[in-house]
N, C-alpha and C. Protein backbone atom coordinates (compact mmCIF):
# COMPACT_ATOMS: atom_id res chain seq x y z
N UNK A 1 200.14 103.83 82.82
CA UNK A 1 200.55 104.16 84.18
C UNK A 1 200.99 102.87 84.87
N UNK A 2 202.15 102.91 85.50
CA UNK A 2 202.64 101.70 86.16
C UNK A 2 202.15 101.63 87.61
N UNK A 3 202.49 100.54 88.25
CA UNK A 3 201.99 100.28 89.60
C UNK A 3 202.51 101.31 90.62
N UNK A 4 203.73 101.80 90.42
CA UNK A 4 204.28 102.80 91.33
C UNK A 4 203.52 104.12 91.23
N UNK A 5 203.14 104.49 90.01
CA UNK A 5 202.36 105.72 89.83
C UNK A 5 200.99 105.59 90.49
N UNK A 6 200.35 104.44 90.34
CA UNK A 6 199.04 104.23 90.97
C UNK A 6 199.17 104.24 92.49
N UNK A 7 200.23 103.67 93.02
CA UNK A 7 200.43 103.66 94.46
C UNK A 7 200.65 105.08 94.98
N UNK A 8 201.41 105.88 94.23
CA UNK A 8 201.66 107.28 94.61
C UNK A 8 200.35 108.08 94.60
N UNK A 9 199.53 107.88 93.56
CA UNK A 9 198.24 108.57 93.48
C UNK A 9 197.34 108.18 94.65
N UNK A 10 197.33 106.90 94.95
CA UNK A 10 196.51 106.41 96.05
C UNK A 10 196.97 107.02 97.37
N UNK A 11 198.27 107.03 97.61
CA UNK A 11 198.81 107.63 98.83
C UNK A 11 198.46 109.11 98.90
N UNK A 12 198.58 109.80 97.77
CA UNK A 12 198.22 111.23 97.73
C UNK A 12 196.75 111.43 98.08
N UNK A 13 195.89 110.57 97.55
CA UNK A 13 194.45 110.69 97.84
C UNK A 13 194.16 110.48 99.32
N UNK A 14 194.84 109.52 99.93
CA UNK A 14 194.66 109.28 101.36
C UNK A 14 195.18 110.46 102.18
N UNK A 15 196.34 110.98 101.82
CA UNK A 15 196.89 112.13 102.54
C UNK A 15 195.95 113.33 102.44
N UNK A 16 195.41 113.55 101.25
CA UNK A 16 194.48 114.67 101.05
C UNK A 16 193.22 114.47 101.91
N UNK A 17 192.70 113.25 101.94
CA UNK A 17 191.51 112.97 102.75
C UNK A 17 191.78 113.20 104.23
N UNK A 18 192.93 112.73 104.70
CA UNK A 18 193.28 112.94 106.11
C UNK A 18 193.41 114.43 106.40
N UNK A 19 194.04 115.16 105.50
CA UNK A 19 194.20 116.61 105.66
C UNK A 19 192.84 117.30 105.77
N UNK A 20 191.93 116.96 104.87
CA UNK A 20 190.60 117.57 104.88
C UNK A 20 189.86 117.24 106.18
N UNK A 21 189.86 115.97 106.55
CA UNK A 21 189.13 115.54 107.74
C UNK A 21 189.74 116.07 109.03
N UNK A 22 191.05 116.24 109.04
CA UNK A 22 191.73 116.66 110.28
C UNK A 22 191.72 118.17 110.46
N UNK A 23 191.07 118.86 109.51
CA UNK A 23 191.01 120.32 109.57
C UNK A 23 192.41 120.91 109.69
N UNK A 24 193.22 120.63 108.69
CA UNK A 24 194.60 121.11 108.61
C UNK A 24 195.47 120.52 109.72
N UNK A 25 195.21 119.25 110.02
CA UNK A 25 195.99 118.48 110.99
C UNK A 25 195.83 118.96 112.42
N UNK A 26 194.69 119.55 112.74
CA UNK A 26 194.47 120.01 114.10
C UNK A 26 193.70 119.00 114.95
N UNK A 27 193.11 117.99 114.31
CA UNK A 27 192.44 116.96 115.09
C UNK A 27 192.68 115.59 114.47
N UNK A 28 192.83 114.57 115.31
CA UNK A 28 193.06 113.22 114.80
C UNK A 28 191.83 112.69 114.05
N UNK A 29 192.06 111.77 113.12
CA UNK A 29 191.01 111.26 112.24
C UNK A 29 190.85 109.76 112.44
N UNK A 30 189.61 109.29 112.38
CA UNK A 30 189.34 107.86 112.48
C UNK A 30 189.40 107.22 111.08
N UNK A 31 189.82 105.97 111.04
CA UNK A 31 189.85 105.21 109.80
C UNK A 31 188.46 105.18 109.17
N UNK A 32 187.44 105.04 110.00
CA UNK A 32 186.06 105.01 109.51
C UNK A 32 185.71 106.29 108.75
N UNK A 33 186.17 107.42 109.25
CA UNK A 33 185.88 108.70 108.60
C UNK A 33 186.58 108.79 107.23
N UNK A 34 187.81 108.30 107.18
CA UNK A 34 188.55 108.29 105.91
C UNK A 34 187.81 107.41 104.90
N UNK A 35 187.41 106.23 105.33
CA UNK A 35 186.70 105.30 104.44
C UNK A 35 185.42 105.92 103.91
N UNK A 36 184.70 106.59 104.77
CA UNK A 36 183.44 107.22 104.37
C UNK A 36 183.68 108.34 103.35
N UNK A 37 184.71 109.14 103.57
CA UNK A 37 184.99 110.27 102.67
C UNK A 37 185.39 109.79 101.28
N UNK A 38 186.26 108.81 101.20
CA UNK A 38 186.76 108.41 99.88
C UNK A 38 186.03 107.21 99.28
N UNK A 39 185.13 106.62 100.06
CA UNK A 39 184.30 105.55 99.51
C UNK A 39 184.98 104.20 99.40
N UNK A 40 185.96 103.93 100.25
CA UNK A 40 186.64 102.64 100.27
C UNK A 40 186.24 101.89 101.53
N UNK A 41 186.52 100.60 101.56
CA UNK A 41 186.22 99.81 102.75
C UNK A 41 187.21 100.16 103.87
N UNK A 42 186.78 99.88 105.10
CA UNK A 42 187.68 100.11 106.24
C UNK A 42 188.94 99.26 106.12
N UNK A 43 188.80 98.07 105.57
CA UNK A 43 189.96 97.19 105.40
C UNK A 43 190.98 97.81 104.44
N UNK A 44 190.50 98.37 103.34
CA UNK A 44 191.40 99.02 102.37
C UNK A 44 192.08 100.23 103.01
N UNK A 45 191.31 100.99 103.75
CA UNK A 45 191.88 102.18 104.40
C UNK A 45 192.89 101.76 105.46
N UNK A 46 192.59 100.73 106.21
CA UNK A 46 193.54 100.25 107.23
C UNK A 46 194.86 99.83 106.61
N UNK A 47 194.78 99.18 105.46
CA UNK A 47 196.00 98.77 104.74
C UNK A 47 196.80 100.01 104.29
N UNK A 48 196.10 100.99 103.76
CA UNK A 48 196.76 102.22 103.32
C UNK A 48 197.36 102.97 104.50
N UNK A 49 196.66 102.98 105.61
CA UNK A 49 197.16 103.65 106.82
C UNK A 49 198.46 102.98 107.28
N UNK A 50 198.50 101.66 107.24
CA UNK A 50 199.74 100.95 107.60
C UNK A 50 200.89 101.36 106.68
N UNK A 51 200.60 101.45 105.38
CA UNK A 51 201.65 101.86 104.42
C UNK A 51 202.12 103.29 104.70
N UNK A 52 201.18 104.20 104.95
CA UNK A 52 201.55 105.59 105.24
C UNK A 52 202.33 105.69 106.55
N UNK A 53 201.98 104.86 107.50
CA UNK A 53 202.70 104.82 108.78
C UNK A 53 204.14 104.35 108.55
N UNK A 54 204.31 103.30 107.77
CA UNK A 54 205.65 102.78 107.45
C UNK A 54 206.48 103.79 106.66
N UNK A 55 205.81 104.58 105.83
CA UNK A 55 206.50 105.60 105.03
C UNK A 55 206.78 106.88 105.80
N UNK A 56 206.32 106.95 107.06
CA UNK A 56 206.57 108.12 107.89
C UNK A 56 205.69 109.31 107.56
N UNK A 57 204.56 109.08 106.89
CA UNK A 57 203.66 110.18 106.51
C UNK A 57 202.61 110.47 107.57
N UNK A 58 202.34 109.48 108.42
CA UNK A 58 201.34 109.65 109.48
C UNK A 58 201.86 109.04 110.78
N UNK A 59 201.20 109.40 111.86
CA UNK A 59 201.40 108.74 113.14
C UNK A 59 200.03 108.33 113.64
N UNK A 60 200.02 107.43 114.61
CA UNK A 60 198.77 107.02 115.23
C UNK A 60 198.79 107.42 116.69
N UNK A 61 197.67 107.95 117.15
CA UNK A 61 197.53 108.28 118.56
C UNK A 61 197.32 106.97 119.33
N UNK A 62 197.41 107.00 120.66
CA UNK A 62 197.18 105.77 121.44
C UNK A 62 195.81 105.12 121.18
N UNK A 63 194.82 105.94 120.83
CA UNK A 63 193.50 105.36 120.53
C UNK A 63 193.28 105.14 119.03
N UNK A 64 194.39 104.98 118.28
CA UNK A 64 194.39 104.62 116.85
C UNK A 64 193.81 105.68 115.92
N UNK A 65 193.89 106.93 116.31
CA UNK A 65 193.49 108.02 115.42
C UNK A 65 194.70 108.42 114.59
N UNK A 66 194.45 108.95 113.40
CA UNK A 66 195.50 109.26 112.44
C UNK A 66 195.83 110.75 112.46
N UNK A 67 197.12 111.06 112.49
CA UNK A 67 197.62 112.42 112.35
C UNK A 67 198.74 112.42 111.31
N UNK A 68 198.84 113.49 110.57
CA UNK A 68 199.91 113.63 109.59
C UNK A 68 201.22 114.04 110.27
N UNK A 69 202.32 113.48 109.81
CA UNK A 69 203.63 113.93 110.26
C UNK A 69 203.95 115.22 109.51
N UNK A 70 204.99 115.95 109.88
CA UNK A 70 205.34 117.14 109.10
C UNK A 70 205.53 116.84 107.62
N UNK A 71 206.17 115.72 107.29
CA UNK A 71 206.36 115.34 105.89
C UNK A 71 205.02 115.03 105.22
N UNK A 72 204.17 114.29 105.91
CA UNK A 72 202.85 113.96 105.38
C UNK A 72 201.98 115.20 105.22
N UNK A 73 202.09 116.11 106.17
CA UNK A 73 201.32 117.35 106.10
C UNK A 73 201.74 118.19 104.90
N UNK A 74 203.03 118.28 104.66
CA UNK A 74 203.52 119.04 103.50
C UNK A 74 203.01 118.44 102.20
N UNK A 75 203.07 117.13 102.09
CA UNK A 75 202.57 116.47 100.88
C UNK A 75 201.06 116.64 100.73
N UNK A 76 200.35 116.48 101.83
CA UNK A 76 198.89 116.62 101.79
C UNK A 76 198.48 118.03 101.37
N UNK A 77 199.16 119.03 101.92
CA UNK A 77 198.85 120.41 101.54
C UNK A 77 199.11 120.65 100.06
N UNK A 78 200.20 120.11 99.55
CA UNK A 78 200.54 120.29 98.13
C UNK A 78 199.48 119.66 97.23
N UNK A 79 199.04 118.47 97.56
CA UNK A 79 198.02 117.78 96.77
C UNK A 79 196.69 118.54 96.87
N UNK A 80 196.33 118.95 98.08
CA UNK A 80 195.08 119.69 98.29
C UNK A 80 195.09 121.01 97.52
N UNK A 81 196.22 121.69 97.54
CA UNK A 81 196.36 122.96 96.82
C UNK A 81 196.18 122.76 95.32
N UNK A 82 196.80 121.73 94.78
CA UNK A 82 196.63 121.43 93.35
C UNK A 82 195.16 121.15 93.05
N UNK A 83 194.54 120.35 93.89
CA UNK A 83 193.14 120.00 93.68
C UNK A 83 192.25 121.23 93.68
N UNK A 84 192.43 122.09 94.66
CA UNK A 84 191.62 123.31 94.74
C UNK A 84 191.84 124.20 93.52
N UNK A 85 193.08 124.32 93.10
CA UNK A 85 193.42 125.14 91.95
C UNK A 85 192.68 124.65 90.70
N UNK A 86 192.81 123.35 90.41
CA UNK A 86 192.18 122.82 89.21
C UNK A 86 190.66 122.85 89.30
N UNK A 87 190.12 122.56 90.46
CA UNK A 87 188.66 122.60 90.61
C UNK A 87 188.14 124.01 90.37
N UNK A 88 188.82 125.01 90.91
CA UNK A 88 188.40 126.40 90.73
C UNK A 88 188.42 126.78 89.26
N UNK A 89 189.47 126.41 88.56
CA UNK A 89 189.56 126.72 87.13
C UNK A 89 188.41 126.07 86.37
N UNK A 90 188.15 124.81 86.67
CA UNK A 90 187.08 124.09 85.97
C UNK A 90 185.71 124.68 86.26
N UNK A 91 185.44 124.98 87.52
CA UNK A 91 184.15 125.57 87.89
C UNK A 91 184.01 126.95 87.25
N UNK A 92 185.08 127.75 87.29
CA UNK A 92 185.05 129.08 86.66
C UNK A 92 184.79 128.98 85.15
N UNK A 93 185.22 127.87 84.54
CA UNK A 93 185.01 127.67 83.10
C UNK A 93 183.60 127.17 82.79
N UNK A 94 182.82 126.87 83.85
CA UNK A 94 181.45 126.44 83.64
C UNK A 94 181.20 124.95 83.82
N UNK A 95 182.19 124.21 84.29
CA UNK A 95 182.03 122.78 84.53
C UNK A 95 181.24 122.61 85.84
N UNK A 96 180.30 121.65 85.83
CA UNK A 96 179.51 121.42 87.05
C UNK A 96 180.41 120.93 88.18
N UNK A 97 179.96 121.15 89.41
CA UNK A 97 180.78 120.90 90.60
C UNK A 97 181.25 119.45 90.70
N UNK A 98 180.38 118.49 90.46
CA UNK A 98 180.75 117.07 90.58
C UNK A 98 181.81 116.70 89.56
N UNK A 99 181.59 117.10 88.31
CA UNK A 99 182.57 116.81 87.27
C UNK A 99 183.89 117.50 87.56
N UNK A 100 183.81 118.75 88.00
CA UNK A 100 185.03 119.51 88.34
C UNK A 100 185.80 118.81 89.45
N UNK A 101 185.11 118.31 90.46
CA UNK A 101 185.78 117.59 91.56
C UNK A 101 186.47 116.33 91.06
N UNK A 102 185.75 115.56 90.24
CA UNK A 102 186.31 114.32 89.72
C UNK A 102 187.53 114.58 88.84
N UNK A 103 187.41 115.56 87.96
CA UNK A 103 188.51 115.84 87.03
C UNK A 103 189.68 116.53 87.72
N UNK A 104 189.42 117.36 88.71
CA UNK A 104 190.50 118.00 89.46
C UNK A 104 191.34 116.95 90.18
N UNK A 105 190.68 115.90 90.67
CA UNK A 105 191.40 114.82 91.33
C UNK A 105 192.35 114.13 90.36
N UNK A 106 191.92 113.95 89.13
CA UNK A 106 192.80 113.35 88.12
C UNK A 106 193.93 114.30 87.74
N UNK A 107 193.61 115.57 87.60
CA UNK A 107 194.59 116.56 87.18
C UNK A 107 195.68 116.78 88.22
N UNK A 108 195.32 116.69 89.50
CA UNK A 108 196.31 116.95 90.56
C UNK A 108 197.47 115.97 90.50
N UNK A 109 197.24 114.81 89.92
CA UNK A 109 198.29 113.78 89.82
C UNK A 109 199.08 113.88 88.52
N UNK A 110 198.55 114.61 87.56
CA UNK A 110 199.12 114.59 86.21
C UNK A 110 200.36 115.47 86.04
N UNK A 111 200.52 116.48 86.88
CA UNK A 111 201.62 117.43 86.69
C UNK A 111 202.66 117.32 87.80
N UNK A 112 203.91 117.51 87.41
CA UNK A 112 204.96 117.59 88.42
C UNK A 112 204.85 118.96 89.11
N UNK A 113 205.54 119.12 90.20
CA UNK A 113 205.47 120.36 90.98
C UNK A 113 205.89 121.56 90.15
N UNK A 114 206.96 121.43 89.38
CA UNK A 114 207.45 122.54 88.58
C UNK A 114 206.41 123.00 87.56
N UNK A 115 205.81 122.07 86.85
CA UNK A 115 204.78 122.42 85.86
C UNK A 115 203.58 123.07 86.54
N UNK A 116 203.18 122.53 87.67
CA UNK A 116 202.05 123.10 88.40
C UNK A 116 202.34 124.53 88.82
N UNK A 117 203.53 124.77 89.36
CA UNK A 117 203.88 126.12 89.80
C UNK A 117 203.86 127.11 88.63
N UNK A 118 204.36 126.69 87.49
CA UNK A 118 204.36 127.56 86.31
C UNK A 118 202.95 127.84 85.84
N UNK A 119 202.11 126.84 85.85
CA UNK A 119 200.71 127.02 85.45
C UNK A 119 199.99 127.93 86.44
N UNK A 120 200.25 127.73 87.72
CA UNK A 120 199.61 128.58 88.74
C UNK A 120 200.05 130.03 88.58
N UNK A 121 201.34 130.26 88.33
CA UNK A 121 201.82 131.63 88.12
C UNK A 121 201.15 132.26 86.91
N UNK A 122 201.01 131.49 85.85
CA UNK A 122 200.36 131.99 84.64
C UNK A 122 198.92 132.40 84.93
N UNK A 123 198.17 131.54 85.58
CA UNK A 123 196.77 131.84 85.87
C UNK A 123 196.63 132.97 86.88
N UNK A 124 197.54 133.04 87.84
CA UNK A 124 197.49 134.11 88.83
C UNK A 124 197.77 135.46 88.17
N UNK A 125 198.74 135.50 87.28
CA UNK A 125 199.09 136.77 86.64
C UNK A 125 198.02 137.22 85.66
N UNK A 126 197.29 136.30 85.05
CA UNK A 126 196.26 136.69 84.09
C UNK A 126 194.94 137.06 84.76
N UNK A 127 194.78 136.75 86.05
CA UNK A 127 193.54 137.08 86.75
C UNK A 127 193.57 138.46 87.40
N UNK A 128 194.69 139.16 87.33
CA UNK A 128 194.77 140.48 87.93
C UNK A 128 193.94 141.47 87.13
N UNK A 129 193.48 142.48 87.83
CA UNK A 129 192.64 143.49 87.20
C UNK A 129 193.44 144.28 86.16
N UNK A 130 192.83 144.58 85.01
CA UNK A 130 193.52 145.40 84.02
C UNK A 130 193.66 146.83 84.51
N UNK A 131 194.62 147.54 83.97
CA UNK A 131 194.83 148.94 84.32
C UNK A 131 193.69 149.77 83.72
N UNK A 132 193.33 150.83 84.41
CA UNK A 132 192.25 151.68 83.89
C UNK A 132 192.79 152.82 83.10
């Protein structure tokens, strides 16, 4: 994995954390809360917030709270949706919650959108009730 891929994964993780903490972007989030959720230092989170701000993924309120822009919100929702999908599959398969969370986070980055959509359609169609 090259440095650009790691940077993209990191940005996705921050966007997902902001999305979760902001309750679907309805309330601004503090840097401290982001750091606590993902287990990074406030300095690391502040650096990432600056990068996301420069990339147009977030805005800052006058009191330095973080909100997702429409573009950031769309990306955050997509990452969160992938994460939930993979975690559900893993938990349904019998994987413990902690392991499922950790592995779903890795899996959400591994597939392009097209592959994910095809996989989701496959799993959705196979979960329907059989005819009686």
